All heavy atoms as atom14 arrays in JSON, in Angstrom:
{
  "sequence": "GHAAHFANVKMNAPCFSQEFAPTSMAYAETQSMFCDSLLNDADW",
  "atom14_mask": [
    [1, 1, 1, 1, 0, 0, 0, 0, 0, 0, 0, 0, 0, 0],
    [1, 1, 1, 1, 1, 1, 1, 1, 1, 1, 0, 0, 0, 0],
    [1, 1, 1, 1, 1, 0, 0, 0, 0, 0, 0, 0, 0, 0],
    [1, 1, 1, 1, 1, 0, 0, 0, 0, 0, 0, 0, 0, 0],
    [1, 1, 1, 1, 1, 1, 1, 1, 1, 1, 0, 0, 0, 0],
    [1, 1, 1, 1, 1, 1, 1, 1, 1, 1, 1, 0, 0, 0],
    [1, 1, 1, 1, 1, 0, 0, 0, 0, 0, 0, 0, 0, 0],
    [1, 1, 1, 1, 1, 1, 1, 1, 0, 0, 0, 0, 0, 0],
    [1, 1, 1, 1, 1, 1, 1, 0, 0, 0, 0, 0, 0, 0],
    [1, 1, 1, 1, 1, 1, 1, 1, 1, 0, 0, 0, 0, 0],
    [1, 1, 1, 1, 1, 1, 1, 1, 0, 0, 0, 0, 0, 0],
    [1, 1, 1, 1, 1, 1, 1, 1, 0, 0, 0, 0, 0, 0],
    [1, 1, 1, 1, 1, 0, 0, 0, 0, 0, 0, 0, 0, 0],
    [1, 1, 1, 1, 1, 1, 1, 0, 0, 0, 0, 0, 0, 0],
    [1, 1, 1, 1, 1, 1, 0, 0, 0, 0, 0, 0, 0, 0],
    [1, 1, 1, 1, 1, 1, 1, 1, 1, 1, 1, 0, 0, 0],
    [1, 1, 1, 1, 1, 1, 0, 0, 0, 0, 0, 0, 0, 0],
    [1, 1, 1, 1, 1, 1, 1, 1, 1, 0, 0, 0, 0, 0],
    [1, 1, 1, 1, 1, 1, 1, 1, 1, 0, 0, 0, 0, 0],
    [1, 1, 1, 1, 1, 1, 1, 1, 1, 1, 1, 0, 0, 0],
    [1, 1, 1, 1, 1, 0, 0, 0, 0, 0, 0, 0, 0, 0],
    [1, 1, 1, 1, 1, 1, 1, 0, 0, 0, 0, 0, 0, 0],
    [1, 1, 1, 1, 1, 1, 1, 0, 0, 0, 0, 0, 0, 0],
    [1, 1, 1, 1, 1, 1, 0, 0, 0, 0, 0, 0, 0, 0],
    [1, 1, 1, 1, 1, 1, 1, 1, 0, 0, 0, 0, 0, 0],
    [1, 1, 1, 1, 1, 0, 0, 0, 0, 0, 0, 0, 0, 0],
    [1, 1, 1, 1, 1, 1, 1, 1, 1, 1, 1, 1, 0, 0],
    [1, 1, 1, 1, 1, 0, 0, 0, 0, 0, 0, 0, 0, 0],
    [1, 1, 1, 1, 1, 1, 1, 1, 1, 0, 0, 0, 0, 0],
    [1, 1, 1, 1, 1, 1, 1, 0, 0, 0, 0, 0, 0, 0],
    [1, 1, 1, 1, 1, 1, 1, 1, 1, 0, 0, 0, 0, 0],
    [1, 1, 1, 1, 1, 1, 0, 0, 0, 0, 0, 0, 0, 0],
    [1, 1, 1, 1, 1, 1, 1, 1, 0, 0, 0, 0, 0, 0],
    [1, 1, 1, 1, 1, 1, 1, 1, 1, 1, 1, 0, 0, 0],
    [1, 1, 1, 1, 1, 1, 0, 0, 0, 0, 0, 0, 0, 0],
    [1, 1, 1, 1, 1, 1, 1, 1, 0, 0, 0, 0, 0, 0],
    [1, 1, 1, 1, 1, 1, 0, 0, 0, 0, 0, 0, 0, 0],
    [1, 1, 1, 1, 1, 1, 1, 1, 0, 0, 0, 0, 0, 0],
    [1, 1, 1, 1, 1, 1, 1, 1, 0, 0, 0, 0, 0, 0],
    [1, 1, 1, 1, 1, 1, 1, 1, 0, 0, 0, 0, 0, 0],
    [1, 1, 1, 1, 1, 1, 1, 1, 0, 0, 0, 0, 0, 0],
    [1, 1, 1, 1, 1, 0, 0, 0, 0, 0, 0, 0, 0, 0],
    [1, 1, 1, 1, 1, 1, 1, 1, 0, 0, 0, 0, 0, 0],
    [1, 1, 1, 1, 1, 1, 1, 1, 1, 1, 1, 1, 1, 1]
  ],
  "atom14_positions": [
    [[6.33, 2.06, -0.46], [5.42, 1.02, -0.23], [3.99, 1.27, -0.75], [3.41, 0.44, -1.39], [0.0, 0.0, 0.0], [0.0, 0.0, 0.0], [0.0, 0.0, 0.0], [0.0, 0.0, 0.0], [0.0, 0.0, 0.0], [0.0, 0.0, 0.0], [0.0, 0.0, 0.0], [0.0, 0.0, 0.0], [0.0, 0.0, 0.0], [0.0, 0.0, 0.0]],
    [[3.6, 2.53, -0.56], [2.35, 3.03, -1.2], [2.39, 2.87, -2.74], [1.44, 2.25, -3.37], [2.08, 4.51, -0.83], [1.44, 4.74, 0.44], [0.35, 4.06, 0.9], [1.76, 5.61, 1.41], [-0.01, 4.6, 2.07], [0.81, 5.47, 2.47], [0.0, 0.0, 0.0], [0.0, 0.0, 0.0], [0.0, 0.0, 0.0], [0.0, 0.0, 0.0]],
    [[3.53, 3.22, -3.24], [3.64, 3.23, -4.69], [3.64, 1.7, -5.26], [2.96, 1.48, -6.32], [4.98, 3.87, -5.13], [0.0, 0.0, 0.0], [0.0, 0.0, 0.0], [0.0, 0.0, 0.0], [0.0, 0.0, 0.0], [0.0, 0.0, 0.0], [0.0, 0.0, 0.0], [0.0, 0.0, 0.0], [0.0, 0.0, 0.0], [0.0, 0.0, 0.0]],
    [[4.25, 0.92, -4.55], [4.21, -0.55, -4.98], [2.77, -1.06, -4.87], [2.41, -1.88, -5.85], [5.09, -1.35, -4.03], [0.0, 0.0, 0.0], [0.0, 0.0, 0.0], [0.0, 0.0, 0.0], [0.0, 0.0, 0.0], [0.0, 0.0, 0.0], [0.0, 0.0, 0.0], [0.0, 0.0, 0.0], [0.0, 0.0, 0.0], [0.0, 0.0, 0.0]],
    [[2.08, -0.74, -3.84], [0.7, -1.24, -3.72], [-0.17, -0.69, -5.0], [-0.77, -1.42, -5.69], [0.08, -0.61, -2.44], [-1.38, -0.7, -2.34], [-2.06, 0.15, -1.47], [-2.3, -1.44, -2.99], [-3.39, -0.21, -1.59], [-3.51, -1.06, -2.48], [0.0, 0.0, 0.0], [0.0, 0.0, 0.0], [0.0, 0.0, 0.0], [0.0, 0.0, 0.0]],
    [[-0.13, 0.66, -5.16], [-1.01, 1.2, -6.2], [-0.55, 0.88, -7.61], [-1.25, 1.06, -8.61], [-1.14, 2.68, -5.99], [-1.95, 3.04, -4.77], [-1.41, 3.79, -3.69], [-3.34, 2.5, -4.62], [-2.1, 4.03, -2.58], [-3.96, 2.81, -3.46], [-3.49, 3.55, -2.43], [0.0, 0.0, 0.0], [0.0, 0.0, 0.0], [0.0, 0.0, 0.0]],
    [[0.72, 0.48, -7.79], [1.19, 0.12, -9.11], [0.86, -1.42, -9.43], [1.02, -1.77, -10.58], [2.75, 0.29, -9.19], [0.0, 0.0, 0.0], [0.0, 0.0, 0.0], [0.0, 0.0, 0.0], [0.0, 0.0, 0.0], [0.0, 0.0, 0.0], [0.0, 0.0, 0.0], [0.0, 0.0, 0.0], [0.0, 0.0, 0.0], [0.0, 0.0, 0.0]],
    [[0.42, -2.15, -8.48], [0.17, -3.58, -8.61], [-1.22, -3.97, -8.47], [-1.48, -5.21, -8.18], [1.04, -4.31, -7.7], [2.54, -4.4, -8.1], [2.79, -5.12, -9.11], [3.43, -3.66, -7.48], [0.0, 0.0, 0.0], [0.0, 0.0, 0.0], [0.0, 0.0, 0.0], [0.0, 0.0, 0.0], [0.0, 0.0, 0.0], [0.0, 0.0, 0.0]],
    [[-2.13, -3.07, -8.57], [-3.6, -3.47, -8.57], [-3.94, -3.91, -9.91], [-3.77, -3.19, -10.92], [-4.6, -2.3, -8.12], [-5.97, -2.73, -8.2], [-4.16, -1.87, -6.65], [0.0, 0.0, 0.0], [0.0, 0.0, 0.0], [0.0, 0.0, 0.0], [0.0, 0.0, 0.0], [0.0, 0.0, 0.0], [0.0, 0.0, 0.0], [0.0, 0.0, 0.0]],
    [[-4.37, -5.17, -10.08], [-4.5, -5.89, -11.36], [-6.0, -6.11, -11.66], [-6.4, -7.11, -12.08], [-3.81, -7.14, -11.41], [-2.23, -7.09, -11.08], [-1.5, -6.29, -12.19], [-0.01, -6.06, -11.86], [0.87, -7.23, -12.05], [0.0, 0.0, 0.0], [0.0, 0.0, 0.0], [0.0, 0.0, 0.0], [0.0, 0.0, 0.0], [0.0, 0.0, 0.0]],
    [[-6.74, -5.07, -11.51], [-8.22, -5.19, -11.79], [-8.51, -4.48, -13.14], [-7.63, -3.99, -13.8], [-9.02, -4.52, -10.65], [-8.75, -5.17, -9.29], [-9.32, -6.85, -9.17], [-10.99, -6.76, -9.18], [0.0, 0.0, 0.0], [0.0, 0.0, 0.0], [0.0, 0.0, 0.0], [0.0, 0.0, 0.0], [0.0, 0.0, 0.0], [0.0, 0.0, 0.0]],
    [[-9.88, -4.36, -13.44], [-10.16, -3.86, -14.77], [-10.93, -2.51, -14.81], [-11.62, -2.13, -15.67], [-11.13, -4.96, -15.47], [-12.44, -5.11, -14.74], [-12.62, -4.73, -13.58], [-13.47, -5.58, -15.44], [0.0, 0.0, 0.0], [0.0, 0.0, 0.0], [0.0, 0.0, 0.0], [0.0, 0.0, 0.0], [0.0, 0.0, 0.0], [0.0, 0.0, 0.0]],
    [[-10.64, -1.73, -13.74], [-11.16, -0.39, -13.69], [-10.22, 0.4, -12.7], [-9.72, -0.1, -11.69], [-12.58, -0.27, -13.17], [0.0, 0.0, 0.0], [0.0, 0.0, 0.0], [0.0, 0.0, 0.0], [0.0, 0.0, 0.0], [0.0, 0.0, 0.0], [0.0, 0.0, 0.0], [0.0, 0.0, 0.0], [0.0, 0.0, 0.0], [0.0, 0.0, 0.0]],
    [[-10.0, 1.76, -13.05], [-9.13, 2.56, -12.25], [-9.59, 2.81, -10.79], [-8.82, 3.16, -9.9], [-8.91, 3.83, -12.99], [-10.11, 3.83, -13.94], [-10.46, 2.48, -14.23], [0.0, 0.0, 0.0], [0.0, 0.0, 0.0], [0.0, 0.0, 0.0], [0.0, 0.0, 0.0], [0.0, 0.0, 0.0], [0.0, 0.0, 0.0], [0.0, 0.0, 0.0]],
    [[-10.94, 2.59, -10.55], [-11.5, 2.87, -9.24], [-10.94, 1.93, -8.16], [-10.93, 2.27, -7.01], [-13.02, 2.75, -9.29], [-13.59, 1.13, -9.71], [0.0, 0.0, 0.0], [0.0, 0.0, 0.0], [0.0, 0.0, 0.0], [0.0, 0.0, 0.0], [0.0, 0.0, 0.0], [0.0, 0.0, 0.0], [0.0, 0.0, 0.0], [0.0, 0.0, 0.0]],
    [[-10.3, 0.71, -8.56], [-9.83, -0.18, -7.6], [-8.39, 0.21, -7.14], [-7.95, -0.24, -6.12], [-9.71, -1.6, -8.24], [-11.01, -2.23, -8.59], [-11.46, -2.3, -9.88], [-11.84, -2.65, -7.43], [-12.71, -2.9, -10.16], [-13.1, -3.28, -7.82], [-13.53, -3.35, -9.18], [0.0, 0.0, 0.0], [0.0, 0.0, 0.0], [0.0, 0.0, 0.0]],
    [[-7.72, 1.12, -7.88], [-6.38, 1.42, -7.56], [-6.15, 2.95, -7.33], [-5.51, 3.62, -8.01], [-5.41, 1.04, -8.75], [-4.11, 1.37, -8.44], [0.0, 0.0, 0.0], [0.0, 0.0, 0.0], [0.0, 0.0, 0.0], [0.0, 0.0, 0.0], [0.0, 0.0, 0.0], [0.0, 0.0, 0.0], [0.0, 0.0, 0.0], [0.0, 0.0, 0.0]],
    [[-6.69, 3.43, -6.2], [-6.55, 4.8, -5.84], [-6.66, 4.94, -4.3], [-7.25, 4.04, -3.68], [-7.39, 5.77, -6.61], [-8.73, 5.28, -6.9], [-9.7, 5.34, -5.71], [-9.65, 6.3, -4.89], [-10.61, 4.4, -5.54], [0.0, 0.0, 0.0], [0.0, 0.0, 0.0], [0.0, 0.0, 0.0], [0.0, 0.0, 0.0], [0.0, 0.0, 0.0]],
    [[-6.19, 5.95, -3.77], [-6.13, 6.07, -2.32], [-7.35, 6.63, -1.65], [-7.41, 6.78, -0.47], [-4.91, 7.0, -1.86], [-4.99, 8.4, -2.32], [-4.35, 8.58, -3.71], [-4.38, 7.76, -4.52], [-3.91, 9.74, -3.93], [0.0, 0.0, 0.0], [0.0, 0.0, 0.0], [0.0, 0.0, 0.0], [0.0, 0.0, 0.0], [0.0, 0.0, 0.0]],
    [[-8.35, 6.99, -2.47], [-9.61, 7.52, -1.97], [-10.62, 6.47, -1.72], [-10.52, 5.29, -2.16], [-10.11, 8.49, -2.98], [-9.11, 9.48, -3.51], [-8.61, 9.34, -4.82], [-8.47, 10.47, -2.7], [-7.6, 10.14, -5.24], [-7.57, 11.3, -3.2], [-7.03, 11.17, -4.46], [0.0, 0.0, 0.0], [0.0, 0.0, 0.0], [0.0, 0.0, 0.0]],
    [[-11.64, 6.82, -0.9], [-12.73, 5.85, -0.58], [-13.29, 5.32, -2.04], [-13.41, 6.03, -2.98], [-13.83, 6.6, 0.19], [0.0, 0.0, 0.0], [0.0, 0.0, 0.0], [0.0, 0.0, 0.0], [0.0, 0.0, 0.0], [0.0, 0.0, 0.0], [0.0, 0.0, 0.0], [0.0, 0.0, 0.0], [0.0, 0.0, 0.0], [0.0, 0.0, 0.0]],
    [[-13.6, 3.96, -1.98], [-13.84, 3.07, -0.76], [-12.51, 2.41, -0.34], [-12.62, 1.45, 0.49], [-14.78, 2.07, -1.34], [-14.49, 1.96, -2.82], [-14.11, 3.41, -3.2], [0.0, 0.0, 0.0], [0.0, 0.0, 0.0], [0.0, 0.0, 0.0], [0.0, 0.0, 0.0], [0.0, 0.0, 0.0], [0.0, 0.0, 0.0], [0.0, 0.0, 0.0]],
    [[-11.3, 2.83, -0.86], [-10.09, 2.31, -0.26], [-9.98, 2.71, 1.22], [-9.93, 3.95, 1.53], [-8.86, 2.84, -1.06], [-9.04, 2.42, -2.38], [-7.6, 2.3, -0.46], [0.0, 0.0, 0.0], [0.0, 0.0, 0.0], [0.0, 0.0, 0.0], [0.0, 0.0, 0.0], [0.0, 0.0, 0.0], [0.0, 0.0, 0.0], [0.0, 0.0, 0.0]],
    [[-9.89, 1.74, 2.08], [-9.76, 2.08, 3.53], [-8.27, 2.61, 3.77], [-7.31, 2.12, 3.16], [-9.87, 0.74, 4.39], [-9.14, 0.8, 5.55], [0.0, 0.0, 0.0], [0.0, 0.0, 0.0], [0.0, 0.0, 0.0], [0.0, 0.0, 0.0], [0.0, 0.0, 0.0], [0.0, 0.0, 0.0], [0.0, 0.0, 0.0], [0.0, 0.0, 0.0]],
    [[-8.24, 3.65, 4.5], [-6.89, 4.26, 4.86], [-6.08, 3.24, 5.6], [-4.89, 3.08, 5.41], [-7.06, 5.55, 5.67], [-5.72, 6.18, 5.99], [-5.9, 7.78, 6.77], [-4.2, 8.12, 7.22], [0.0, 0.0, 0.0], [0.0, 0.0, 0.0], [0.0, 0.0, 0.0], [0.0, 0.0, 0.0], [0.0, 0.0, 0.0], [0.0, 0.0, 0.0]],
    [[-6.76, 2.5, 6.55], [-6.0, 1.49, 7.28], [-5.38, 0.48, 6.35], [-4.22, 0.02, 6.48], [-6.86, 0.8, 8.3], [0.0, 0.0, 0.0], [0.0, 0.0, 0.0], [0.0, 0.0, 0.0], [0.0, 0.0, 0.0], [0.0, 0.0, 0.0], [0.0, 0.0, 0.0], [0.0, 0.0, 0.0], [0.0, 0.0, 0.0], [0.0, 0.0, 0.0]],
    [[-6.15, 0.03, 5.29], [-5.65, -0.88, 4.34], [-4.45, -0.29, 3.51], [-3.42, -0.98, 3.37], [-6.77, -1.32, 3.37], [-6.4, -1.83, 2.03], [-5.62, -3.05, 2.0], [-6.7, -1.2, 0.86], [-5.28, -3.59, 0.71], [-6.33, -1.75, -0.4], [-5.64, -2.92, -0.51], [-5.25, -3.41, -1.65], [0.0, 0.0, 0.0], [0.0, 0.0, 0.0]],
    [[-4.64, 0.96, 3.07], [-3.6, 1.55, 2.28], [-2.32, 1.75, 3.16], [-1.2, 1.41, 2.69], [-4.06, 2.92, 1.69], [0.0, 0.0, 0.0], [0.0, 0.0, 0.0], [0.0, 0.0, 0.0], [0.0, 0.0, 0.0], [0.0, 0.0, 0.0], [0.0, 0.0, 0.0], [0.0, 0.0, 0.0], [0.0, 0.0, 0.0], [0.0, 0.0, 0.0]],
    [[-2.48, 2.12, 4.38], [-1.27, 2.44, 5.27], [-0.54, 1.12, 5.66], [0.56, 1.13, 6.0], [-1.7, 3.23, 6.42], [-2.13, 4.74, 6.07], [-1.06, 5.53, 5.33], [0.2, 5.22, 5.56], [-1.46, 6.41, 4.57], [0.0, 0.0, 0.0], [0.0, 0.0, 0.0], [0.0, 0.0, 0.0], [0.0, 0.0, 0.0], [0.0, 0.0, 0.0]],
    [[-1.35, 0.07, 5.7], [-0.62, -1.29, 6.07], [0.43, -1.61, 5.09], [1.58, -2.07, 5.46], [-1.7, -2.41, 5.93], [-2.68, -2.14, 7.0], [-1.1, -3.74, 6.19], [0.0, 0.0, 0.0], [0.0, 0.0, 0.0], [0.0, 0.0, 0.0], [0.0, 0.0, 0.0], [0.0, 0.0, 0.0], [0.0, 0.0, 0.0], [0.0, 0.0, 0.0]],
    [[0.26, -1.3, 3.8], [1.24, -1.53, 2.77], [2.56, -0.74, 3.04], [3.67, -1.23, 2.94], [0.73, -1.27, 1.42], [-0.74, -1.67, 1.2], [-1.12, -3.0, 1.69], [-0.35, -4.03, 1.52], [-2.15, -3.19, 2.33], [0.0, 0.0, 0.0], [0.0, 0.0, 0.0], [0.0, 0.0, 0.0], [0.0, 0.0, 0.0], [0.0, 0.0, 0.0]],
    [[2.42, 0.56, 3.24], [3.53, 1.44, 3.4], [4.21, 1.25, 4.75], [5.47, 1.25, 4.85], [3.03, 2.94, 3.32], [2.01, 3.22, 4.2], [0.0, 0.0, 0.0], [0.0, 0.0, 0.0], [0.0, 0.0, 0.0], [0.0, 0.0, 0.0], [0.0, 0.0, 0.0], [0.0, 0.0, 0.0], [0.0, 0.0, 0.0], [0.0, 0.0, 0.0]],
    [[3.38, 1.05, 5.83], [4.06, 0.96, 7.1], [4.7, -0.48, 7.34], [5.66, -0.56, 8.05], [2.92, 1.14, 8.18], [2.39, 2.56, 8.19], [1.09, 2.89, 9.36], [2.06, 3.36, 10.75], [0.0, 0.0, 0.0], [0.0, 0.0, 0.0], [0.0, 0.0, 0.0], [0.0, 0.0, 0.0], [0.0, 0.0, 0.0], [0.0, 0.0, 0.0]],
    [[4.23, -1.45, 6.58], [4.96, -2.72, 6.57], [6.33, -2.5, 6.0], [7.43, -2.98, 6.56], [4.24, -3.76, 5.83], [5.06, -5.08, 5.64], [5.1, -5.98, 6.68], [5.92, -5.26, 4.51], [5.89, -7.13, 6.58], [6.77, -6.45, 4.48], [6.68, -7.27, 5.43], [0.0, 0.0, 0.0], [0.0, 0.0, 0.0], [0.0, 0.0, 0.0]],
    [[6.54, -1.76, 4.93], [7.8, -1.5, 4.19], [8.76, -0.73, 5.27], [9.88, -1.02, 5.28], [7.62, -0.87, 2.91], [6.87, -1.88, 1.63], [0.0, 0.0, 0.0], [0.0, 0.0, 0.0], [0.0, 0.0, 0.0], [0.0, 0.0, 0.0], [0.0, 0.0, 0.0], [0.0, 0.0, 0.0], [0.0, 0.0, 0.0], [0.0, 0.0, 0.0]],
    [[8.2, 0.36, 5.86], [9.1, 1.21, 6.75], [9.37, 0.5, 8.02], [10.45, 0.82, 8.68], [8.55, 2.58, 6.92], [7.34, 2.66, 7.74], [7.41, 2.17, 8.84], [6.37, 3.45, 7.36], [0.0, 0.0, 0.0], [0.0, 0.0, 0.0], [0.0, 0.0, 0.0], [0.0, 0.0, 0.0], [0.0, 0.0, 0.0], [0.0, 0.0, 0.0]],
    [[8.56, -0.52, 8.4], [8.93, -1.29, 9.59], [10.21, -2.05, 9.49], [10.85, -2.35, 10.51], [7.74, -2.17, 9.92], [7.84, -3.38, 9.15], [0.0, 0.0, 0.0], [0.0, 0.0, 0.0], [0.0, 0.0, 0.0], [0.0, 0.0, 0.0], [0.0, 0.0, 0.0], [0.0, 0.0, 0.0], [0.0, 0.0, 0.0], [0.0, 0.0, 0.0]],
    [[10.66, -2.37, 8.29], [11.81, -3.14, 8.13], [13.13, -2.37, 8.58], [14.09, -3.04, 8.98], [12.07, -3.43, 6.61], [10.91, -4.24, 5.99], [11.13, -4.35, 4.51], [10.91, -5.67, 6.61], [0.0, 0.0, 0.0], [0.0, 0.0, 0.0], [0.0, 0.0, 0.0], [0.0, 0.0, 0.0], [0.0, 0.0, 0.0], [0.0, 0.0, 0.0]],
    [[13.01, -1.06, 8.57], [14.12, -0.17, 8.93], [14.54, -0.38, 10.46], [15.6, 0.04, 10.86], [13.92, 1.24, 8.69], [13.6, 1.57, 7.15], [13.35, 3.06, 7.04], [14.79, 1.22, 6.28], [0.0, 0.0, 0.0], [0.0, 0.0, 0.0], [0.0, 0.0, 0.0], [0.0, 0.0, 0.0], [0.0, 0.0, 0.0], [0.0, 0.0, 0.0]],
    [[13.51, -0.91, 11.29], [13.84, -1.13, 12.67], [14.43, -2.49, 12.97], [14.79, -2.79, 14.13], [12.53, -0.95, 13.44], [11.98, 0.47, 13.33], [12.69, 1.48, 13.5], [10.7, 0.54, 13.03], [0.0, 0.0, 0.0], [0.0, 0.0, 0.0], [0.0, 0.0, 0.0], [0.0, 0.0, 0.0], [0.0, 0.0, 0.0], [0.0, 0.0, 0.0]],
    [[14.59, -3.36, 11.9], [15.06, -4.65, 12.15], [16.58, -4.71, 12.13], [17.21, -4.17, 11.23], [14.54, -5.66, 11.03], [12.99, -5.87, 11.17], [12.57, -5.81, 12.29], [12.35, -6.23, 10.17], [0.0, 0.0, 0.0], [0.0, 0.0, 0.0], [0.0, 0.0, 0.0], [0.0, 0.0, 0.0], [0.0, 0.0, 0.0], [0.0, 0.0, 0.0]],
    [[17.17, -5.42, 13.09], [18.57, -5.43, 13.29], [19.24, -6.12, 12.02], [20.38, -5.59, 11.64], [18.95, -6.26, 14.55], [0.0, 0.0, 0.0], [0.0, 0.0, 0.0], [0.0, 0.0, 0.0], [0.0, 0.0, 0.0], [0.0, 0.0, 0.0], [0.0, 0.0, 0.0], [0.0, 0.0, 0.0], [0.0, 0.0, 0.0], [0.0, 0.0, 0.0]],
    [[18.75, -7.06, 11.42], [19.33, -7.64, 10.22], [19.24, -6.64, 9.06], [20.2, -6.63, 8.21], [18.71, -9.03, 9.85], [17.21, -8.94, 9.77], [16.5, -8.07, 10.23], [16.61, -9.98, 9.22], [0.0, 0.0, 0.0], [0.0, 0.0, 0.0], [0.0, 0.0, 0.0], [0.0, 0.0, 0.0], [0.0, 0.0, 0.0], [0.0, 0.0, 0.0]],
    [[18.18, -5.81, 9.0], [18.2, -4.77, 7.91], [19.34, -3.79, 8.18], [20.08, -3.4, 7.32], [16.91, -4.02, 7.84], [16.78, -3.16, 6.67], [16.34, -3.46, 5.42], [17.23, -1.82, 6.54], [16.49, -2.42, 4.57], [17.07, -1.29, 5.19], [17.9, -0.91, 7.46], [17.44, -0.08, 4.77], [18.23, 0.34, 7.0], [18.0, 0.81, 5.66]]
  ]
}
């Protein structure tokens, strides 16, 4: 999920697509934790 996030930043400078500040850790982890949350779903 992290990789999908950082591979899909479509801006015009590399500073927008990395895990360091000013990227919020809460923002970055939302992407990864959404993906792993699927593993708890009965239909998954």
